[in-house]
Amino acid sequence: MARRNLQDLMKASAKNWAQRYTILARSKAPKHIAPYITTSSTVSEGQITIKSTIKPIDMRGSEGQISNYGTLDATAQEYGHPGATITPRVKSVLAFHWNIRPEYAKYDAEGRIRLQIVNKKPQPAFNSDQGYMRPAMREWSDEIMQSSARFKDAIKLDILDSFNAITKATR
C-alpha cells in the first residue's frame, strides 16, 4: 500500500501523456503521415517509458508501384534530406516501380523503370524546417512540467501512508 498513490498517478499520467503527445504530433505532421503516428506508455518499477513511432504500412499499389502516401518519407519530413546521388551497387542499372512513366525511359519485363543514376533533390524538413515531432515534444514537455505538483502531493501521501502503517504496527 505504501506506493499506491504514486504508482496509480504514474500509470494514469503516462497513459494521458502518451495520448496527448499523439494528438500534438498528429496535429503538426503532414497529412499523409499523421494517421500512422502512435504512442504507447508503460510503467514498471517506478519508471515511465513513453515510445512514439510511425507505423510502417504497405505502400505498394495493385500494380506494384510505390504510392506517395504513407510513411516512406517520415524521417525526411522530420529532419529534412540533404540530397543524394544514388547509383547501382551490384548491377549496371537501378530498376524500380514508378507511377510516372516517361516515354523516353527504358523499362524491364516487369514494367520497372531502369536508370543508371538517380539524383534526389535536397528537401527541407516539414513545417518550415522544424519537423513535426520535435515541436510537439517541446509543447508536450511544457505540459508535463506543469503536472509535477500532482506528483509531489502523491509522494507526500505515500510517505504519510507508510508512516501511519509503521506507527500503527508498533503501537
Protein backbone atom coordinates (compact mmCIF):
# COMPACT_ATOMS: atom_id res chain seq x y z
CA MET A 1 0.00 0.00 0.00
CA ALA A 2 2.94 2.32 0.52
CA ARG A 3 3.39 3.30 -3.15
CA ARG A 4 -0.22 3.01 -4.25
CA ASN A 5 -0.88 6.75 -4.68
CA LEU A 6 2.26 7.48 -6.67
CA GLN A 7 2.07 4.28 -8.74
CA ASP A 8 -1.57 4.93 -9.70
CA LEU A 9 -0.76 8.52 -10.61
CA MET A 10 2.24 7.43 -12.70
CA LYS A 11 0.15 4.93 -14.70
CA ALA A 12 -2.66 7.39 -15.31
CA SER A 13 -0.26 10.20 -16.19
CA ALA A 14 1.81 8.05 -18.57
CA LYS A 15 -1.32 7.00 -20.46
CA ASN A 16 -2.56 10.59 -20.58
CA TRP A 17 0.82 11.91 -21.72
CA ALA A 18 1.07 9.30 -24.48
CA GLN A 19 -2.39 10.19 -25.75
CA ARG A 20 -1.67 13.91 -25.57
CA TYR A 21 1.64 13.55 -27.40
CA THR A 22 -0.01 11.52 -30.17
CA ILE A 23 -2.62 14.26 -30.65
CA LEU A 24 0.05 17.00 -30.72
CA ALA A 25 2.36 15.13 -33.11
CA ARG A 26 -0.51 14.28 -35.47
CA SER A 27 -1.67 17.91 -35.49
CA LYS A 28 1.79 19.07 -36.53
CA ALA A 29 2.57 16.28 -39.05
CA PRO A 30 1.97 16.20 -42.80
CA LYS A 31 -1.50 14.82 -43.58
CA HIS A 32 -0.16 11.63 -45.20
CA ILE A 33 1.91 10.75 -42.11
CA ALA A 34 -0.35 11.89 -39.24
CA PRO A 35 -2.67 8.83 -39.10
CA TYR A 36 0.30 6.50 -38.66
CA ILE A 37 1.78 8.18 -35.55
CA THR A 38 1.23 6.13 -32.39
CA THR A 39 2.48 6.50 -28.84
CA SER A 40 2.47 3.90 -26.06
CA SER A 41 3.35 4.06 -22.39
CA THR A 42 4.46 1.60 -19.74
CA VAL A 43 5.16 1.99 -16.04
CA SER A 44 7.44 -0.55 -14.42
CA GLU A 45 9.25 -0.33 -11.09
CA GLY A 46 8.66 3.40 -10.80
CA GLN A 47 9.94 4.15 -14.28
CA ILE A 48 7.77 5.63 -17.04
CA THR A 49 8.55 4.75 -20.66
CA ILE A 50 6.78 6.59 -23.46
CA LYS A 51 7.53 5.45 -27.00
CA SER A 52 6.32 7.20 -30.13
CA THR A 53 6.56 5.53 -33.54
CA ILE A 54 5.27 5.79 -37.04
CA LYS A 55 3.59 2.55 -38.06
CA PRO A 56 5.04 1.09 -41.25
CA ILE A 57 2.47 0.44 -43.94
CA ASP A 58 2.47 -1.41 -47.23
CA MET A 59 2.93 1.31 -49.82
CA ARG A 60 2.68 -0.84 -52.94
CA GLY A 61 -0.31 -0.34 -55.16
CA SER A 62 -2.09 -3.04 -57.12
CA GLU A 63 0.46 -2.77 -59.94
CA GLY A 64 3.48 -2.87 -57.63
CA GLN A 65 4.21 0.85 -57.73
CA ILE A 66 5.06 2.67 -54.51
CA SER A 67 2.44 5.29 -53.66
CA ASN A 68 3.30 8.77 -52.43
CA TYR A 69 1.23 8.25 -49.28
CA GLY A 70 2.34 6.52 -46.14
CA THR A 71 5.44 6.56 -44.02
CA LEU A 72 8.17 6.28 -46.65
CA ASP A 73 9.31 9.87 -46.16
CA ALA A 74 8.52 10.28 -42.43
CA THR A 75 12.18 10.75 -41.49
CA ALA A 76 12.82 13.20 -44.33
CA GLN A 77 9.73 15.18 -43.29
CA GLU A 78 11.03 15.35 -39.71
CA TYR A 79 14.74 16.04 -40.30
CA GLY A 80 14.94 17.04 -43.95
CA HIS A 81 17.13 15.33 -46.53
CA PRO A 82 20.45 16.75 -47.76
CA GLY A 83 20.02 15.28 -51.24
CA ALA A 84 21.85 12.29 -52.68
CA THR A 85 23.13 10.68 -55.83
CA ILE A 86 22.10 7.04 -56.00
CA THR A 87 23.99 4.64 -58.25
CA PRO A 88 23.68 0.86 -58.56
CA ARG A 89 25.99 -1.17 -56.33
CA VAL A 90 25.82 -4.57 -57.95
CA LYS A 91 24.12 -4.31 -61.33
CA SER A 92 24.56 -1.78 -64.09
CA VAL A 93 21.16 -0.11 -63.60
CA LEU A 94 18.60 0.68 -60.93
CA ALA A 95 15.16 -0.79 -61.56
CA PHE A 96 12.05 0.13 -59.59
CA HIS A 97 8.34 0.74 -59.97
CA TRP A 98 7.45 4.35 -60.51
CA ASN A 99 3.99 5.79 -61.11
CA ILE A 100 5.41 8.38 -63.53
CA ARG A 101 6.19 6.75 -66.89
CA PRO A 102 8.29 8.97 -69.19
CA GLU A 103 8.18 7.78 -72.82
CA TYR A 104 11.93 8.12 -73.32
CA ALA A 105 12.80 5.85 -70.37
CA LYS A 106 13.74 2.19 -70.62
CA TYR A 107 11.69 -0.46 -68.79
CA ASP A 108 12.32 -4.08 -67.88
CA ALA A 109 9.95 -7.01 -68.45
CA GLU A 110 8.18 -6.34 -65.12
CA GLY A 111 7.45 -2.74 -66.10
CA ARG A 112 10.05 -1.23 -63.76
CA ILE A 113 11.89 1.84 -64.93
CA ARG A 114 15.64 1.32 -65.48
CA LEU A 115 18.02 4.14 -64.56
CA GLN A 116 21.79 4.37 -64.29
CA ILE A 117 21.69 7.16 -61.72
CA VAL A 118 19.09 8.93 -59.54
CA ASN A 119 19.68 12.40 -58.14
CA LYS A 120 17.47 13.06 -55.14
CA LYS A 121 16.98 16.77 -54.53
CA PRO A 122 17.59 18.24 -51.07
CA GLN A 123 14.41 18.51 -49.02
CA PRO A 124 13.89 20.75 -46.01
CA ALA A 125 12.02 19.33 -43.03
CA PHE A 126 8.27 19.86 -42.83
CA ASN A 127 6.86 22.90 -41.02
CA SER A 128 9.44 25.48 -42.15
CA ASP A 129 12.32 23.07 -41.47
CA GLN A 130 11.12 22.47 -37.88
CA GLY A 131 9.74 18.97 -38.41
CA TYR A 132 6.60 17.79 -36.63
CA MET A 133 7.73 15.50 -33.79
CA ARG A 134 10.18 18.00 -32.27
CA PRO A 135 7.69 20.92 -31.97
CA ALA A 136 5.13 18.50 -30.49
CA MET A 137 7.76 17.31 -27.99
CA ARG A 138 8.57 20.87 -26.89
CA GLU A 139 4.90 21.70 -26.36
CA TRP A 140 4.26 18.37 -24.65
CA SER A 141 7.25 18.78 -22.30
CA ASP A 142 5.86 22.10 -21.09
CA GLU A 143 2.54 20.40 -20.25
CA ILE A 144 4.32 17.61 -18.36
CA MET A 145 6.28 20.07 -16.23
CA GLN A 146 3.03 21.71 -15.12
CA SER A 147 1.83 18.39 -13.69
CA SER A 148 4.77 18.00 -11.29
CA ALA A 149 2.75 19.37 -8.35
CA ARG A 150 0.45 16.33 -8.54
CA PHE A 151 3.47 14.06 -8.18
CA LYS A 152 4.71 15.97 -5.15
CA ASP A 153 1.30 15.55 -3.49
CA ALA A 154 1.21 11.83 -4.33
CA ILE A 155 4.69 11.30 -2.85
CA LYS A 156 3.64 13.14 0.34
CA LEU A 157 0.54 10.94 0.62
CA ASP A 158 2.62 7.80 0.11
CA ILE A 159 5.07 8.87 2.82
CA LEU A 160 2.20 9.62 5.21
CA ASP A 161 0.55 6.26 4.42
CA SER A 162 3.84 4.47 5.07
CA PHE A 163 4.42 6.37 8.29
CA ASN A 164 0.88 5.68 9.52
CA ALA A 165 1.20 1.99 8.68
CA ILE A 166 4.51 1.74 10.59
CA THR A 167 3.26 3.65 13.64
CA LYS A 168 0.10 1.50 13.83
CA ALA A 169 2.20 -1.67 13.70
CA THR A 170 4.49 -0.53 16.54
CA ARG A 171 1.72 0.53 18.93
